[in-house]
């Protein structure tokens, strides 16, 4: 059973940066896609970014050019680097891998 643990969230001012991590218990197969989602209060969960087994990445239009998804299979960890954060990025961020969700980490962008 795969388990995911996110970390790295917090409070940051607009324009700031955060790096989220998603630690995967057990082996992180290079053959599975990993995704980062977010859910703001009163809104549906939305896909933010995904990285395929081959390293191909995709992003929501709202974060293109600001967020970067990556993975380190040797460390069983995925990452989401978030730069130039905006108040509208405030949400709980979840990683997804092999049909399993992490518990989420809160990101709050506010001055």
PDB file of N, CA and C in Angstrom:
ATOM      1  N   UNK A   1       0.845  -1.186   0.000  1.00  0.00           N
ATOM      2  CA  UNK A   1       0.000   0.000   0.000  1.00  0.00           C
ATOM      3  C   UNK A   1       0.887   1.245   0.000  1.00  0.00           C
ATOM      4  N   UNK A   2       0.708   2.068  -1.009  1.00  0.00           N
ATOM      5  CA  UNK A   2       1.466   3.306  -1.097  1.00  0.00           C
ATOM      6  C   UNK A   2       0.876   4.346  -0.150  1.00  0.00           C
ATOM      7  N   UNK A   3       1.721   5.080   0.519  1.00  0.00           N
ATOM      8  CA  UNK A   3       1.287   6.206   1.343  1.00  0.00           C
ATOM      9  C   UNK A   3       2.074   7.434   0.941  1.00  0.00           C
ATOM     10  N   UNK A   4       1.386   8.585   0.977  1.00  0.00           N
ATOM     11  CA  UNK A   4       1.999   9.850   0.562  1.00  0.00           C
ATOM     12  C   UNK A   4       1.938  10.838   1.716  1.00  0.00           C
ATOM     13  N   UNK A   5       3.021  11.571   1.923  1.00  0.00           N
ATOM     14  CA  UNK A   5       3.063  12.585   2.967  1.00  0.00           C
ATOM     15  C   UNK A   5       3.605  13.874   2.362  1.00  0.00           C
ATOM     16  N   UNK A   6       2.743  14.901   2.336  1.00  0.00           N
ATOM     17  CA  UNK A   6       3.164  16.197   1.810  1.00  0.00           C
ATOM     18  C   UNK A   6       3.777  17.045   2.915  1.00  0.00           C
ATOM     19  N   UNK A   7       4.643  17.947   2.529  1.00  0.00           N
ATOM     20  CA  UNK A   7       5.218  18.919   3.462  1.00  0.00           C
ATOM     21  C   UNK A   7       5.653  20.141   2.676  1.00  0.00           C
ATOM     22  N   UNK A   8       5.946  21.219   3.407  1.00  0.00           N
ATOM     23  CA  UNK A   8       6.472  22.414   2.767  1.00  0.00           C
ATOM     24  C   UNK A   8       5.502  23.560   2.644  1.00  0.00           C
ATOM     25  N   UNK A   9       4.253  23.339   3.040  1.00  0.00           N
ATOM     26  CA  UNK A   9       3.296  24.434   2.973  1.00  0.00           C
ATOM     27  C   UNK A   9       3.553  25.475   4.054  1.00  0.00           C
ATOM     28  N   UNK A  10       2.797  26.567   3.980  1.00  0.00           N
ATOM     29  CA  UNK A  10       2.953  27.610   4.980  1.00  0.00           C
ATOM     30  C   UNK A  10       2.357  28.911   4.521  1.00  0.00           C
ATOM     31  N   UNK A  11       2.690  29.958   5.249  1.00  0.00           N
ATOM     32  CA  UNK A  11       2.224  31.308   4.941  1.00  0.00           C
ATOM     33  C   UNK A  11       3.348  32.068   4.248  1.00  0.00           C
ATOM     34  N   UNK A  12       3.032  32.681   3.126  1.00  0.00           N
ATOM     35  CA  UNK A  12       4.033  33.415   2.364  1.00  0.00           C
ATOM     36  C   UNK A  12       3.388  34.675   1.803  1.00  0.00           C
ATOM     37  N   UNK A  13       4.188  35.712   1.630  1.00  0.00           N
ATOM     38  CA  UNK A  13       3.685  36.944   1.056  1.00  0.00           C
ATOM     39  C   UNK A  13       3.571  36.830  -0.459  1.00  0.00           C
ATOM     40  N   UNK A  14       2.695  37.616  -1.063  1.00  0.00           N
ATOM     41  CA  UNK A  14       2.613  37.615  -2.529  1.00  0.00           C
ATOM     42  C   UNK A  14       3.980  37.877  -3.147  1.00  0.00           C
ATOM     43  N   UNK A  15       4.277  37.103  -4.191  1.00  0.00           N
ATOM     44  CA  UNK A  15       5.581  37.188  -4.825  1.00  0.00           C
ATOM     45  C   UNK A  15       6.606  36.237  -4.253  1.00  0.00           C
ATOM     46  N   UNK A  16       6.279  35.613  -3.149  1.00  0.00           N
ATOM     47  CA  UNK A  16       7.205  34.694  -2.505  1.00  0.00           C
ATOM     48  C   UNK A  16       7.200  33.314  -3.137  1.00  0.00           C
ATOM     49  N   UNK A  17       8.001  32.422  -2.541  1.00  0.00           N
ATOM     50  CA  UNK A  17       8.156  31.069  -3.075  1.00  0.00           C
ATOM     51  C   UNK A  17       8.009  30.033  -1.965  1.00  0.00           C
ATOM     52  N   UNK A  18       7.575  28.862  -2.360  1.00  0.00           N
ATOM     53  CA  UNK A  18       7.525  27.692  -1.493  1.00  0.00           C
ATOM     54  C   UNK A  18       7.862  26.470  -2.334  1.00  0.00           C
ATOM     55  N   UNK A  19       8.429  25.449  -1.693  1.00  0.00           N
ATOM     56  CA  UNK A  19       8.614  24.169  -2.367  1.00  0.00           C
ATOM     57  C   UNK A  19       7.903  23.093  -1.561  1.00  0.00           C
ATOM     58  N   UNK A  20       6.953  22.461  -2.213  1.00  0.00           N
ATOM     59  CA  UNK A  20       6.237  21.355  -1.591  1.00  0.00           C
ATOM     60  C   UNK A  20       6.941  20.041  -1.921  1.00  0.00           C
ATOM     61  N   UNK A  21       6.911  19.140  -0.957  1.00  0.00           N
ATOM     62  CA  UNK A  21       7.474  17.805  -1.155  1.00  0.00           C
ATOM     63  C   UNK A  21       6.400  16.759  -0.924  1.00  0.00           C
ATOM     64  N   UNK A  22       6.498  15.655  -1.625  1.00  0.00           N
ATOM     65  CA  UNK A  22       5.580  14.529  -1.460  1.00  0.00           C
ATOM     66  C   UNK A  22       6.419  13.270  -1.311  1.00  0.00           C
ATOM     67  N   UNK A  23       6.518  12.782  -0.087  1.00  0.00           N
ATOM     68  CA  UNK A  23       7.299  11.588   0.185  1.00  0.00           C
ATOM     69  C   UNK A  23       6.437  10.358  -0.022  1.00  0.00           C
ATOM     70  N   UNK A  24       6.928   9.434  -0.822  1.00  0.00           N
ATOM     71  CA  UNK A  24       6.200   8.207  -1.152  1.00  0.00           C
ATOM     72  C   UNK A  24       6.767   7.048  -0.350  1.00  0.00           C
ATOM     73  N   UNK A  25       5.927   6.400   0.449  1.00  0.00           N
ATOM     74  CA  UNK A  25       6.394   5.233   1.178  1.00  0.00           C
ATOM     75  C   UNK A  25       6.446   4.047   0.228  1.00  0.00           C
ATOM     76  N   UNK A  26       7.447   3.223   0.360  1.00  0.00           N
ATOM     77  CA  UNK A  26       7.610   2.133  -0.576  1.00  0.00           C
ATOM     78  C   UNK A  26       8.325   2.625  -1.818  1.00  0.00           C
ATOM     79  N   UNK A  27       8.456   1.778  -2.779  1.00  0.00           N
ATOM     80  CA  UNK A  27       9.194   2.130  -3.980  1.00  0.00           C
ATOM     81  C   UNK A  27       8.391   3.065  -4.868  1.00  0.00           C
ATOM     82  N   UNK A  28       9.054   4.086  -5.381  1.00  0.00           N
ATOM     83  CA  UNK A  28       8.408   5.033  -6.295  1.00  0.00           C
ATOM     84  C   UNK A  28       8.768   4.619  -7.711  1.00  0.00           C
ATOM     85  N   UNK A  29       7.879   3.861  -8.298  1.00  0.00           N
ATOM     86  CA  UNK A  29       8.144   3.385  -9.649  1.00  0.00           C
ATOM     87  C   UNK A  29       8.261   4.545 -10.610  1.00  0.00           C
ATOM     88  N   UNK A  30       9.209   4.435 -11.499  1.00  0.00           N
ATOM     89  CA  UNK A  30       9.370   5.499 -12.495  1.00  0.00           C
ATOM     90  C   UNK A  30       8.302   5.391 -13.585  1.00  0.00           C
ATOM     91  N   UNK A  31       7.443   4.378 -13.486  1.00  0.00           N
ATOM     92  CA  UNK A  31       6.457   4.159 -14.531  1.00  0.00           C
ATOM     93  C   UNK A  31       5.092   4.744 -14.223  1.00  0.00           C
ATOM     94  N   UNK A  32       4.999   5.498 -13.142  1.00  0.00           N
ATOM     95  CA  UNK A  32       3.703   6.055 -12.775  1.00  0.00           C
ATOM     96  C   UNK A  32       3.731   7.575 -12.768  1.00  0.00           C
ATOM     97  N   UNK A  33       2.636   8.143 -13.219  1.00  0.00           N
ATOM     98  CA  UNK A  33       2.479   9.592 -13.212  1.00  0.00           C
ATOM     99  C   UNK A  33       2.197  10.089 -11.804  1.00  0.00           C
ATOM    100  N   UNK A  34       2.766  11.236 -11.475  1.00  0.00           N
ATOM    101  CA  UNK A  34       2.479  11.910 -10.209  1.00  0.00           C
ATOM    102  C   UNK A  34       1.828  13.252 -10.516  1.00  0.00           C
ATOM    103  N   UNK A  35       0.851  13.606  -9.692  1.00  0.00           N
ATOM    104  CA  UNK A  35       0.183  14.880  -9.885  1.00  0.00           C
ATOM    105  C   UNK A  35       0.090  15.677  -8.597  1.00  0.00           C
ATOM    106  N   UNK A  36      -0.009  16.979  -8.747  1.00  0.00           N
ATOM    107  CA  UNK A  36      -0.295  17.888  -7.631  1.00  0.00           C
ATOM    108  C   UNK A  36      -1.639  18.555  -7.917  1.00  0.00           C
ATOM    109  N   UNK A  37      -2.506  18.533  -6.921  1.00  0.00           N
ATOM    110  CA  UNK A  37      -3.817  19.154  -7.016  1.00  0.00           C
ATOM    111  C   UNK A  37      -3.933  20.184  -5.898  1.00  0.00           C
ATOM    112  N   UNK A  38      -4.942  21.027  -6.022  1.00  0.00           N
ATOM    113  CA  UNK A  38      -5.225  21.954  -4.937  1.00  0.00           C
ATOM    114  C   UNK A  38      -6.730  22.167  -4.822  1.00  0.00           C
ATOM    115  N   UNK A  39      -7.130  22.531  -3.614  1.00  0.00           N
ATOM    116  CA  UNK A  39      -8.541  22.799  -3.366  1.00  0.00           C
ATOM    117  C   UNK A  39      -8.658  24.011  -2.466  1.00  0.00           C
ATOM    118  N   UNK A  40      -9.271  25.051  -3.002  1.00  0.00           N
ATOM    119  CA  UNK A  40      -9.518  26.273  -2.237  1.00  0.00           C
ATOM    120  C   UNK A  40     -10.887  26.171  -1.582  1.00  0.00           C
ATOM    121  N   UNK A  41     -11.124  26.919  -0.521  1.00  0.00           N
ATOM    122  CA  UNK A  41     -12.429  26.872   0.150  1.00  0.00           C
ATOM    123  C   UNK A  41     -13.571  27.161  -0.811  1.00  0.00           C
ATOM    124  N   UNK A  42     -14.562  26.285  -0.800  1.00  0.00           N
ATOM    125  CA  UNK A  42     -15.730  26.480  -1.638  1.00  0.00           C
ATOM    126  C   UNK A  42     -15.541  26.127  -3.098  1.00  0.00           C
ATOM    127  N   UNK A  43     -14.372  25.602  -3.437  1.00  0.00           N
ATOM    128  CA  UNK A  43     -14.099  25.249  -4.831  1.00  0.00           C
ATOM    129  C   UNK A  43     -13.777  23.774  -4.961  1.00  0.00           C
ATOM    130  N   UNK A  44     -13.881  23.272  -6.186  1.00  0.00           N
ATOM    131  CA  UNK A  44     -13.554  21.884  -6.444  1.00  0.00           C
ATOM    132  C   UNK A  44     -12.035  21.702  -6.509  1.00  0.00           C
ATOM    133  N   UNK A  45     -11.614  20.471  -6.247  1.00  0.00           N
ATOM    134  CA  UNK A  45     -10.196  20.148  -6.358  1.00  0.00           C
ATOM    135  C   UNK A  45      -9.800  20.230  -7.835  1.00  0.00           C
ATOM    136  N   UNK A  46      -8.665  20.854  -8.102  1.00  0.00           N
ATOM    137  CA  UNK A  46      -8.226  21.023  -9.480  1.00  0.00           C
ATOM    138  C   UNK A  46      -6.783  20.549  -9.642  1.00  0.00           C
ATOM    139  N   UNK A  47      -6.483  20.050 -10.844  1.00  0.00           N
ATOM    140  CA  UNK A  47      -5.129  19.624 -11.154  1.00  0.00           C
ATOM    141  C   UNK A  47      -4.250  20.849 -11.374  1.00  0.00           C
ATOM    142  N   UNK A  48      -3.130  20.882 -10.702  1.00  0.00           N
ATOM    143  CA  UNK A  48      -2.184  21.986 -10.835  1.00  0.00           C
ATOM    144  C   UNK A  48      -1.066  21.609 -11.800  1.00  0.00           C
ATOM    145  N   UNK A  49      -0.489  20.413 -11.599  1.00  0.00           N
ATOM    146  CA  UNK A  49       0.636  19.988 -12.424  1.00  0.00           C
ATOM    147  C   UNK A  49       0.757  18.474 -12.362  1.00  0.00           C
ATOM    148  N   UNK A  50       1.345  17.898 -13.409  1.00  0.00           N
ATOM    149  CA  UNK A  50       1.567  16.459 -13.454  1.00  0.00           C
ATOM    150  C   UNK A  50       2.884  16.177 -14.157  1.00  0.00           C
ATOM    151  N   UNK A  51       3.492  15.061 -13.763  1.00  0.00           N
ATOM    152  CA  UNK A  51       4.735  14.635 -14.403  1.00  0.00           C
ATOM    153  C   UNK A  51       4.619  13.152 -14.718  1.00  0.00           C
ATOM    154  N   UNK A  52       4.890  12.812 -15.954  1.00  0.00           N
ATOM    155  CA  UNK A  52       4.731  11.433 -16.400  1.00  0.00           C
ATOM    156  C   UNK A  52       5.971  10.615 -16.074  1.00  0.00           C
ATOM    157  N   UNK A  53       5.874   9.335 -16.371  1.00  0.00           N
ATOM    158  CA  UNK A  53       7.002   8.444 -16.141  1.00  0.00           C
ATOM    159  C   UNK A  53       8.205   8.854 -16.985  1.00  0.00           C
ATOM    160  N   UNK A  54       7.951   9.423 -18.145  1.00  0.00           N
ATOM    161  CA  UNK A  54       9.037   9.834 -19.016  1.00  0.00           C
ATOM    162  C   UNK A  54       9.563  11.224 -18.725  1.00  0.00           C
ATOM    163  N   UNK A  55       8.945  11.884 -17.725  1.00  0.00           N
ATOM    164  CA  UNK A  55       9.413  13.212 -17.359  1.00  0.00           C
ATOM    165  C   UNK A  55       8.658  14.345 -18.035  1.00  0.00           C
ATOM    166  N   UNK A  56       7.675  14.005 -18.844  1.00  0.00           N
ATOM    167  CA  UNK A  56       6.873  15.057 -19.461  1.00  0.00           C
ATOM    168  C   UNK A  56       6.010  15.730 -18.408  1.00  0.00           C
ATOM    169  N   UNK A  57       5.888  17.033 -18.525  1.00  0.00           N
ATOM    170  CA  UNK A  57       5.140  17.790 -17.529  1.00  0.00           C
ATOM    171  C   UNK A  57       3.980  18.539 -18.171  1.00  0.00           C
ATOM    172  N   UNK A  58       2.969  18.792 -17.364  1.00  0.00           N
ATOM    173  CA  UNK A  58       1.842  19.604 -17.805  1.00  0.00           C
ATOM    174  C   UNK A  58       1.390  20.455 -16.633  1.00  0.00           C
ATOM    175  N   UNK A  59       0.826  21.614 -16.947  1.00  0.00           N
ATOM    176  CA  UNK A  59       0.449  22.579 -15.919  1.00  0.00           C
ATOM    177  C   UNK A  59      -0.895  23.212 -16.229  1.00  0.00           C
ATOM    178  N   UNK A  60      -1.595  23.589 -15.174  1.00  0.00           N
ATOM    179  CA  UNK A  60      -2.781  24.411 -15.343  1.00  0.00           C
ATOM    180  C   UNK A  60      -2.338  25.766 -15.873  1.00  0.00           C
ATOM    181  N   UNK A  61      -3.178  26.364 -16.690  1.00  0.00           N
ATOM    182  CA  UNK A  61      -2.824  27.663 -17.277  1.00  0.00           C
ATOM    183  C   UNK A  61      -2.503  28.699 -16.200  1.00  0.00           C
ATOM    184  N   UNK A  62      -3.190  28.602 -15.082  1.00  0.00           N
ATOM    185  CA  UNK A  62      -3.040  29.603 -14.029  1.00  0.00           C
ATOM    186  C   UNK A  62      -1.665  29.577 -13.357  1.00  0.00           C
ATOM    187  N   UNK A  63      -0.915  28.488 -13.526  1.00  0.00           N
ATOM    188  CA  UNK A  63       0.387  28.388 -12.849  1.00  0.00           C
ATOM    189  C   UNK A  63       1.560  28.266 -13.814  1.00  0.00           C
ATOM    190  N   UNK A  64       1.276  28.206 -15.100  1.00  0.00           N
ATOM    191  CA  UNK A  64       2.353  28.077 -16.080  1.00  0.00           C
ATOM    192  C   UNK A  64       3.354  29.219 -15.951  1.00  0.00           C
ATOM    193  N   UNK A  65       4.619  28.850 -15.977  1.00  0.00           N
ATOM    194  CA  UNK A  65       5.670  29.851 -15.858  1.00  0.00           C
ATOM    195  C   UNK A  65       6.020  30.214 -14.429  1.00  0.00           C
ATOM    196  N   UNK A  66       5.218  29.749 -13.468  1.00  0.00           N
ATOM    197  CA  UNK A  66       5.478  30.055 -12.054  1.00  0.00           C
ATOM    198  C   UNK A  66       5.774  28.802 -11.238  1.00  0.00           C
ATOM    199  N   UNK A  67       5.136  27.688 -11.575  1.00  0.00           N
ATOM    200  CA  UNK A  67       5.292  26.438 -10.832  1.00  0.00           C
ATOM    201  C   UNK A  67       6.101  25.452 -11.662  1.00  0.00           C
ATOM    202  N   UNK A  68       6.872  24.615 -10.973  1.00  0.00           N
ATOM    203  CA  UNK A  68       7.644  23.562 -11.625  1.00  0.00           C
ATOM    204  C   UNK A  68       7.483  22.269 -10.852  1.00  0.00           C
ATOM    205  N   UNK A  69       7.046  21.217 -11.548  1.00  0.00           N
ATOM    206  CA  UNK A  69       6.907  19.909 -10.929  1.00  0.00           C
ATOM    207  C   UNK A  69       8.133  19.071 -11.268  1.00  0.00           C
ATOM    208  N   UNK A  70       8.575  18.275 -10.314  1.00  0.00           N
ATOM    209  CA  UNK A  70       9.725  17.401 -10.560  1.00  0.00           C
ATOM    210  C   UNK A  70       9.608  16.166  -9.669  1.00  0.00           C
ATOM    211  N   UNK A  71      10.470  15.189  -9.907  1.00  0.00           N
ATOM    212  CA  UNK A  71      10.456  13.976  -9.105  1.00  0.00           C
ATOM    213  C   UNK A  71      11.867  13.425  -9.002  1.00  0.00           C
ATOM    214  N   UNK A  72      12.145  12.786  -7.896  1.00  0.00           N
ATOM    215  CA  UNK A  72      13.425  12.113  -7.687  1.00  0.00           C
ATOM    216  C   UNK A  72      13.097  10.683  -7.285  1.00  0.00           C
ATOM    217  N   UNK A  73      13.120   9.783  -8.245  1.00  0.00           N
ATOM    218  CA  UNK A  73      12.738   8.403  -7.981  1.00  0.00           C
ATOM    219  C   UNK A  73      13.672   7.738  -6.966  1.00  0.00           C
ATOM    220  N   UNK A  74      14.937   8.128  -6.969  1.00  0.00           N
ATOM    221  CA  UNK A  74      15.888   7.532  -6.027  1.00  0.00           C
ATOM    222  C   UNK A  74      15.547   7.899  -4.585  1.00  0.00           C
ATOM    223  N   UNK A  75      14.949   9.077  -4.398  1.00  0.00           N
ATOM    224  CA  UNK A  75      14.576   9.529  -3.054  1.00  0.00           C
ATOM    225  C   UNK A  75      13.099   9.283  -2.756  1.00  0.00           C
ATOM    226  N   UNK A  76      12.386   8.658  -3.691  1.00  0.00           N
ATOM    227  CA  UNK A  76      10.944   8.410  -3.502  1.00  0.00           C
ATOM    228  C   UNK A  76      10.197   9.684  -3.157  1.00  0.00           C
ATOM    229  N   UNK A  77      10.497  10.754  -3.851  1.00  0.00           N
ATOM    230  CA  UNK A  77       9.914  12.040  -3.508  1.00  0.00           C
ATOM    231  C   UNK A  77       9.574  12.841  -4.764  1.00  0.00           C
ATOM    232  N   UNK A  78       8.429  13.498  -4.711  1.00  0.00           N
ATOM    233  CA  UNK A  78       8.050  14.435  -5.742  1.00  0.00           C
ATOM    234  C   UNK A  78       8.040  15.845  -5.183  1.00  0.00           C
ATOM    235  N   UNK A  79       8.161  16.819  -6.070  1.00  0.00           N
ATOM    236  CA  UNK A  79       8.266  18.208  -5.637  1.00  0.00           C
ATOM    237  C   UNK A  79       7.381  19.114  -6.481  1.00  0.00           C
ATOM    238  N   UNK A  80       6.980  20.222  -5.864  1.00  0.00           N
ATOM    239  CA  UNK A  80       6.308  21.291  -6.592  1.00  0.00           C
ATOM    240  C   UNK A  80       6.938  22.603  -6.138  1.00  0.00           C
ATOM    241  N   UNK A  81       7.752  23.189  -7.007  1.00  0.00           N
ATOM    242  CA  UNK A  81       8.352  24.481  -6.729  1.00  0.00           C
ATOM    243  C   UNK A  81       7.392  25.556  -7.176  1.00  0.00           C
ATOM    244  N   UNK A  82       7.043  26.450  -6.258  1.00  0.00           N
ATOM    245  CA  UNK A  82       6.052  27.488  -6.555  1.00  0.00           C
ATOM    246  C   UNK A  82       6.709  28.850  -6.360  1.00  0.00           C
ATOM    247  N   UNK A  83       6.794  29.599  -7.440  1.00  0.00           N
ATOM    248  CA  UNK A  83       7.394  30.936  -7.403  1.00  0.00           C
ATOM    249  C   UNK A  83       6.360  31.993  -7.734  1.00  0.00           C
ATOM    250  N   UNK A  84       6.662  33.223  -7.371  1.00  0.00           N
ATOM    251  CA  UNK A  84       5.768  34.348  -7.658  1.00  0.00           C
ATOM    252  C   UNK A  84       4.328  34.032  -7.234  1.00  0.00           C
ATOM    253  N   UNK A  85       4.204  33.582  -6.014  1.00  0.00           N
ATOM    254  CA  UNK A  85       2.890  33.171  -5.519  1.00  0.00           C
ATOM    255  C   UNK A  85       1.925  34.337  -5.435  1.00  0.00           C
ATOM    256  N   UNK A  86       0.661  34.031  -5.679  1.00  0.00           N
ATOM    257  CA  UNK A  86      -0.407  35.026  -5.679  1.00  0.00           C
ATOM    258  C   UNK A  86      -1.453  34.625  -4.636  1.00  0.00           C
ATOM    259  N   UNK A  87      -2.231  35.585  -4.156  1.00  0.00           N
ATOM    260  CA  UNK A  87      -3.282  35.236  -3.182  1.00  0.00           C
ATOM    261  C   UNK A  87      -4.227  34.147  -3.695  1.00  0.00           C
ATOM    262  N   UNK A  88      -4.466  34.125  -4.986  1.00  0.00           N
ATOM    263  CA  UNK A  88      -5.370  33.110  -5.544  1.00  0.00           C
ATOM    264  C   UNK A  88      -4.772  31.713  -5.559  1.00  0.00           C
ATOM    265  N   UNK A  89      -3.493  31.583  -5.209  1.00  0.00           N
ATOM    266  CA  UNK A  89      -2.887  30.262  -5.071  1.00  0.00           C
ATOM    267  C   UNK A  89      -3.176  29.646  -3.695  1.00  0.00           C
ATOM    268  N   UNK A  90      -3.804  30.397  -2.826  1.00  0.00           N
ATOM    269  CA  UNK A  90      -4.131  29.897  -1.489  1.00  0.00           C
ATOM    270  C   UNK A  90      -5.073  28.701  -1.592  1.00  0.00           C
ATOM    271  N   UNK A  91      -4.663  27.590  -1.005  1.00  0.00           N
ATOM    272  CA  UNK A  91      -5.439  26.351  -1.079  1.00  0.00           C
ATOM    273  C   UNK A  91      -4.736  25.272  -0.264  1.00  0.00           C
ATOM    274  N   UNK A  92      -5.413  24.152  -0.109  1.00  0.00           N
ATOM    275  CA  UNK A  92      -4.759  22.946   0.381  1.00  0.00           C
ATOM    276  C   UNK A  92      -4.235  22.197  -0.843  1.00  0.00           C
ATOM    277  N   UNK A  93      -2.967  21.865  -0.804  1.00  0.00           N
ATOM    278  CA  UNK A  93      -2.327  21.184  -1.923  1.00  0.00           C
ATOM    279  C   UNK A  93      -2.150  19.703  -1.603  1.00  0.00           C
ATOM    280  N   UNK A  94      -2.513  18.870  -2.579  1.00  0.00           N
ATOM    281  CA  UNK A  94      -2.453  17.421  -2.411  1.00  0.00           C
ATOM    282  C   UNK A  94      -1.593  16.807  -3.509  1.00  0.00           C
ATOM    283  N   UNK A  95      -0.813  15.814  -3.151  1.00  0.00           N
ATOM    284  CA  UNK A  95      -0.169  15.039  -4.205  1.00  0.00           C
ATOM    285  C   UNK A  95      -0.969  13.766  -4.429  1.00  0.00           C
ATOM    286  N   UNK A  96      -0.850  13.252  -5.622  1.00  0.00           N
ATOM    287  CA  UNK A  96      -1.597  12.059  -6.067  1.00  0.00           C
ATOM    288  C   UNK A  96      -0.631  11.148  -6.772  1.00  0.00           C
ATOM    289  N   UNK A  97      -0.685   9.875  -6.434  1.00  0.00           N
ATOM    290  CA  UNK A  97       0.230   8.909  -7.045  1.00  0.00           C
ATOM    291  C   UNK A  97      -0.362   7.520  -6.907  1.00  0.00           C
ATOM    292  N   UNK A  98      -0.476   6.822  -8.022  1.00  0.00           N
ATOM    293  CA  UNK A  98      -1.012   5.460  -8.035  1.00  0.00           C
ATOM    294  C   UNK A  98      -2.362   5.398  -7.325  1.00  0.00           C
ATOM    295  N   UNK A  99      -3.225   6.351  -7.660  1.00  0.00           N
ATOM    296  CA  UNK A  99      -4.590   6.395  -7.136  1.00  0.00           C
ATOM    297  C   UNK A  99      -4.658   6.599  -5.630  1.00  0.00           C
ATOM    298  N   UNK A 100      -3.622   7.136  -5.061  1.00  0.00           N
ATOM    299  CA  UNK A 100      -3.584   7.425  -3.629  1.00  0.00           C
ATOM    300  C   UNK A 100      -3.385   8.925  -3.444  1.00  0.00           C
ATOM    301  N   UNK A 101      -4.088   9.496  -2.458  1.00  0.00           N
ATOM    302  CA  UNK A 101      -3.962  10.906  -2.115  1.00  0.00           C
ATOM    303  C   UNK A 101      -3.164  11.081  -0.828  1.00  0.00           C
ATOM    304  N   UNK A 102      -2.393  12.142  -0.784  1.00  0.00           N
ATOM    305  CA  UNK A 102      -1.780  12.531   0.477  1.00  0.00           C
ATOM    306  C   UNK A 102      -2.787  13.263   1.348  1.00  0.00           C
ATOM    307  N   UNK A 103      -2.345  13.662   2.531  1.00  0.00           N
ATOM    308  CA  UNK A 103      -3.251  14.303   3.488  1.00  0.00           C
ATOM    309  C   UNK A 103      -3.429  15.784   3.211  1.00  0.00           C
ATOM    310  N   UNK A 104      -2.574  16.345   2.380  1.00  0.00           N
ATOM    311  CA  UNK A 104      -2.676  17.752   2.026  1.00  0.00           C
ATOM    312  C   UNK A 104      -1.795  18.639   2.886  1.00  0.00           C
ATOM    313  N   UNK A 105      -1.392  19.762   2.312  1.00  0.00           N
ATOM    314  CA  UNK A 105      -0.619  20.762   3.043  1.00  0.00           C
ATOM    315  C   UNK A 105      -1.154  22.140   2.667  1.00  0.00           C
ATOM    316  N   UNK A 106      -1.362  22.967   3.673  1.00  0.00           N
ATOM    317  CA  UNK A 106      -1.976  24.279   3.455  1.00  0.00           C
ATOM    318  C   UNK A 106      -0.948  25.280   2.935  1.00  0.00           C
ATOM    319  N   UNK A 107      -1.338  25.980   1.889  1.00  0.00           N
ATOM    320  CA  UNK A 107      -0.547  27.093   1.364  1.00  0.00           C
ATOM    321  C   UNK A 107      -1.415  28.346   1.444  1.00  0.00           C
ATOM    322  N   UNK A 108      -0.903  29.362   2.130  1.00  0.00           N
ATOM    323  CA  UNK A 108      -1.625  30.614   2.270  1.00  0.00           C
ATOM    324  C   UNK A 108      -0.738  31.749   1.775  1.00  0.00           C
ATOM    325  N   UNK A 109      -1.258  32.494   0.815  1.00  0.00           N
ATOM    326  CA  UNK A 109      -0.511  33.622   0.250  1.00  0.00           C
ATOM    327  C   UNK A 109      -1.241  34.897   0.655  1.00  0.00           C
ATOM    328  N   UNK A 110      -0.600  35.662   1.510  1.00  0.00           N
ATOM    329  CA  UNK A 110      -1.262  36.844   2.045  1.00  0.00           C
ATOM    330  C   UNK A 110      -0.219  37.823   2.567  1.00  0.00           C
ATOM    331  N   UNK A 111      -0.539  39.093   2.461  1.00  0.00           N
ATOM    332  CA  UNK A 111       0.346  40.122   3.020  1.00  0.00           C
ATOM    333  C   UNK A 111      -0.117  40.501   4.430  1.00  0.00           C
TER     334      UNK A 111
END
